[in-house]
Amino acid sequence: MESGEAPIPGDSNENKVSEKARKIYDELKVKKPKRNGAFLGEEKEKFYVAKSEEEIYELSALAYYVWLLCDGEHTVEEIANKISEDVQVPVDEVIEPLALAINSLNEAGLLEISD
């Protein structure tokens, strides 16, 4: 592409998934994550989930949405497809935020991940 030309949509690396997110997604896509904890409430687009009486987490809207979809019945790949349909974007655009959200929720103990 010559300098000064506008990039062609889909022709650049802007939609590429980071290596870290792709690795997480590839490891998890056949797993069926199940949420842990109880929803406490929402305030100003922040969602509160209690893992126990002593552990309460503030989740972003995205993290809460992912947490809700993790019912232990659907694979991560199925969840990615559902989100893609719900927000009407290609699944490749969903993989990175989904993988990173699942990874963070799992590290916090708000998800159990099984086959």
Protein backbone atom coordinates (compact mmCIF):
# COMPACT_ATOMS: atom_id res chain seq x y z
CA MET A 1 0.00 0.00 0.00
CA GLU A 2 1.37 3.43 -0.91
CA SER A 3 1.60 6.06 1.79
CA GLY A 4 -1.45 8.27 1.95
CA GLU A 5 -3.83 5.45 0.97
CA ALA A 6 -6.59 4.61 3.40
CA PRO A 7 -6.44 1.06 4.71
CA ILE A 8 -8.94 -1.35 3.27
CA PRO A 9 -11.29 -2.67 5.98
CA GLY A 10 -10.32 -6.22 6.84
CA ASP A 11 -6.97 -5.75 5.09
CA SER A 12 -5.00 -4.71 8.17
CA ASN A 13 -3.98 -6.41 11.39
CA GLU A 14 -6.52 -4.40 13.43
CA ASN A 15 -8.77 -7.46 13.87
CA LYS A 16 -5.97 -9.82 14.84
CA VAL A 17 -6.33 -11.51 18.20
CA SER A 18 -3.33 -11.15 20.49
CA GLU A 19 -1.20 -14.26 20.90
CA LYS A 20 -2.00 -14.43 24.63
CA ALA A 21 -5.76 -14.24 24.03
CA ARG A 22 -5.61 -16.77 21.18
CA LYS A 23 -3.67 -19.21 23.37
CA ILE A 24 -6.17 -18.82 26.22
CA TYR A 25 -9.10 -19.23 23.83
CA ASP A 26 -7.61 -22.29 22.13
CA GLU A 27 -7.04 -23.94 25.53
CA LEU A 28 -10.55 -23.13 26.75
CA LYS A 29 -12.81 -23.30 23.70
CA VAL A 30 -14.05 -26.85 24.42
CA LYS A 31 -14.35 -26.24 28.18
CA LYS A 32 -17.64 -25.47 29.93
CA PRO A 33 -17.07 -22.71 32.49
CA LYS A 34 -19.54 -22.42 35.36
CA ARG A 35 -19.97 -19.27 37.38
CA ASN A 36 -19.29 -19.19 41.12
CA GLY A 37 -20.68 -16.63 43.49
CA ALA A 38 -23.88 -14.69 43.85
CA PHE A 39 -24.99 -11.50 42.15
CA LEU A 40 -25.44 -8.73 44.73
CA GLY A 41 -26.48 -5.79 42.60
CA GLU A 42 -25.54 -3.07 40.15
CA GLU A 43 -24.57 0.54 40.58
CA LYS A 44 -23.54 2.90 37.77
CA GLU A 45 -22.73 0.11 35.29
CA LYS A 46 -20.64 -1.78 37.85
CA PHE A 47 -21.86 -5.21 38.85
CA TYR A 48 -21.15 -6.77 42.24
CA VAL A 49 -20.66 -10.50 42.71
CA ALA A 50 -19.88 -12.15 46.02
CA LYS A 51 -17.71 -15.23 46.08
CA SER A 52 -18.17 -15.38 49.85
CA GLU A 53 -19.12 -12.97 52.63
CA GLU A 54 -15.53 -11.75 52.69
CA GLU A 55 -14.89 -11.64 48.94
CA ILE A 56 -16.91 -9.26 46.80
CA TYR A 57 -15.89 -8.38 43.27
CA GLU A 58 -16.78 -5.37 41.14
CA LEU A 59 -17.23 -6.45 37.53
CA SER A 60 -17.44 -4.40 34.37
CA ALA A 61 -20.50 -4.86 32.18
CA LEU A 62 -18.48 -7.14 29.88
CA ALA A 63 -17.13 -9.30 32.71
CA TYR A 64 -20.61 -9.59 34.25
CA TYR A 65 -22.16 -10.55 30.89
CA VAL A 66 -19.49 -13.23 30.39
CA TRP A 67 -19.97 -14.43 34.00
CA LEU A 68 -23.73 -14.77 33.37
CA LEU A 69 -23.19 -16.77 30.19
CA CYS A 70 -20.93 -19.24 32.00
CA ASP A 71 -23.62 -21.71 33.07
CA GLY A 72 -21.56 -24.91 32.93
CA GLU A 73 -23.65 -26.14 30.00
CA HIS A 74 -22.04 -24.28 27.10
CA THR A 75 -18.48 -24.36 25.82
CA VAL A 76 -16.38 -21.23 25.53
CA GLU A 77 -16.69 -21.56 21.75
CA GLU A 78 -20.50 -21.60 22.05
CA ILE A 79 -20.34 -18.57 24.34
CA ALA A 80 -18.17 -16.75 21.77
CA ASN A 81 -20.72 -17.51 19.05
CA LYS A 82 -23.60 -16.31 21.26
CA ILE A 83 -21.85 -13.04 22.05
CA SER A 84 -21.02 -12.61 18.35
CA GLU A 85 -24.70 -13.04 17.46
CA ASP A 86 -25.93 -10.82 20.32
CA VAL A 87 -23.68 -7.87 19.49
CA GLN A 88 -23.61 -8.58 15.74
CA VAL A 89 -19.85 -8.61 15.28
CA PRO A 90 -17.61 -11.30 13.78
CA VAL A 91 -16.59 -13.97 16.27
CA ASP A 92 -12.92 -13.05 15.76
CA GLU A 93 -13.67 -9.69 17.40
CA VAL A 94 -15.18 -11.45 20.40
CA ILE A 95 -12.36 -13.92 21.10
CA GLU A 96 -9.86 -11.58 22.74
CA PRO A 97 -12.18 -9.81 25.22
CA LEU A 98 -13.93 -13.10 25.99
CA ALA A 99 -10.71 -15.04 26.59
CA LEU A 100 -9.25 -12.32 28.78
CA ALA A 101 -12.50 -11.95 30.76
CA ILE A 102 -12.78 -15.71 31.33
CA ASN A 103 -9.14 -15.87 32.36
CA SER A 104 -9.59 -13.02 34.87
CA LEU A 105 -12.83 -14.44 36.26
CA ASN A 106 -11.19 -17.84 36.63
CA GLU A 107 -8.16 -16.37 38.42
CA ALA A 108 -10.54 -14.58 40.83
CA GLY A 109 -12.31 -17.87 41.51
CA LEU A 110 -15.59 -16.65 40.00
CA LEU A 111 -15.56 -19.49 37.46
CA GLU A 112 -14.97 -23.22 37.56
CA ILE A 113 -13.75 -24.56 34.24
CA SER A 114 -14.44 -28.18 33.32
CA ASP A 115 -14.51 -30.29 30.16
